[in-house]
Amino acid sequence: MVLSDRDELIIDAALDFGADYFYDIRNGTMGPTLYIEAPNKYEASRVRQLAPGHWNKLYVVVIYDASAPCTGSQENSKPV
């Protein structure tokens, strides 16, 4: 994958799933993989509902920092 193609896919992912997350494309155990990094579990649940398992021929993995706290309102509400 050429760097410009990678950059275009990352921009498209940000447009499709939201600019509030970090995106990276790497080779994973399932082949080329789009990693979406959310700041906490609540946000990871939200983006997981938006992102399919496969997107633009990439396997999609959502990750988050388990030590990052959620605010009180996020802990008690379901993701949209």
Protein backbone atom coordinates (compact mmCIF):
# COMPACT_ATOMS: atom_id res chain seq x y z
CA MET A 1 0.00 0.00 0.00
CA VAL A 2 1.41 3.35 -1.04
CA LEU A 3 1.60 6.00 1.68
CA SER A 4 -0.90 8.25 -0.10
CA ASP A 5 -3.43 5.38 -0.32
CA ARG A 6 -2.97 4.75 3.41
CA ASP A 7 -3.50 8.43 4.17
CA GLU A 8 -6.65 8.52 2.05
CA LEU A 9 -8.07 5.50 3.88
CA ILE A 10 -7.35 7.09 7.27
CA ILE A 11 -9.05 10.32 6.19
CA ASP A 12 -12.05 8.34 4.87
CA ALA A 13 -12.26 6.43 8.16
CA ALA A 14 -12.23 9.68 10.13
CA LEU A 15 -15.03 11.01 7.94
CA ASP A 16 -17.07 7.81 8.28
CA PHE A 17 -16.57 7.08 11.99
CA GLY A 18 -15.63 10.42 13.55
CA ALA A 19 -12.59 12.62 13.88
CA ASP A 20 -12.38 12.14 17.66
CA TYR A 21 -10.43 8.88 17.37
CA PHE A 22 -6.90 7.91 16.35
CA TYR A 23 -6.59 5.76 13.24
CA ASP A 24 -3.77 3.55 12.03
CA ILE A 25 -3.42 0.91 9.33
CA ARG A 26 -1.03 -1.96 10.01
CA ASN A 27 -0.69 -5.58 9.06
CA GLY A 28 -2.39 -7.65 11.75
CA THR A 29 -3.00 -11.36 12.15
CA MET A 30 -6.03 -11.07 9.85
CA GLY A 31 -4.16 -9.12 7.15
CA PRO A 32 -4.32 -5.36 6.58
CA THR A 33 -6.11 -3.92 9.61
CA LEU A 34 -7.62 -0.55 10.48
CA TYR A 35 -7.04 0.17 14.16
CA ILE A 36 -9.39 2.72 15.72
CA GLU A 37 -8.20 3.94 19.12
CA ALA A 38 -10.88 5.40 21.38
CA PRO A 39 -10.09 7.29 24.60
CA ASN A 40 -12.20 5.04 26.88
CA LYS A 41 -14.56 2.06 26.93
CA TYR A 42 -17.69 4.16 26.39
CA GLU A 43 -16.31 5.79 23.24
CA ALA A 44 -15.01 2.42 22.01
CA SER A 45 -18.54 1.03 22.30
CA ARG A 46 -19.91 3.98 20.34
CA VAL A 47 -17.43 3.65 17.48
CA ARG A 48 -17.82 -0.15 17.42
CA GLN A 49 -21.51 0.35 16.64
CA LEU A 50 -20.58 2.60 13.70
CA ALA A 51 -17.67 0.60 12.31
CA PRO A 52 -18.29 -2.69 10.51
CA GLY A 53 -16.04 -5.71 10.97
CA HIS A 54 -14.56 -5.14 7.51
CA TRP A 55 -14.27 -1.75 5.85
CA ASN A 56 -12.67 -0.98 2.46
CA LYS A 57 -10.98 -4.43 2.40
CA LEU A 58 -9.51 -3.83 5.87
CA TYR A 59 -10.26 -5.78 9.03
CA VAL A 60 -11.40 -3.32 11.72
CA VAL A 61 -10.24 -3.42 15.35
CA VAL A 62 -11.38 -0.93 18.00
CA ILE A 63 -9.04 -0.47 20.95
CA TYR A 64 -9.14 1.73 24.04
CA ASP A 65 -7.14 2.53 27.17
CA ALA A 66 -8.72 0.48 29.96
CA SER A 67 -7.16 2.71 32.61
CA ALA A 68 -8.83 5.85 31.21
CA PRO A 69 -11.79 6.82 33.40
CA CYS A 70 -15.25 7.45 32.02
CA THR A 71 -17.19 10.40 33.33
CA GLY A 72 -20.16 9.63 35.58
CA SER A 73 -22.72 10.35 32.87
CA GLN A 74 -20.96 8.00 30.44
CA GLU A 75 -20.80 5.09 32.90
CA ASN A 76 -24.56 5.04 33.43
CA SER A 77 -25.71 5.57 29.84
CA LYS A 78 -25.72 3.25 26.89
CA PRO A 79 -23.78 4.18 23.76
CA VAL A 80 -25.84 5.75 20.98
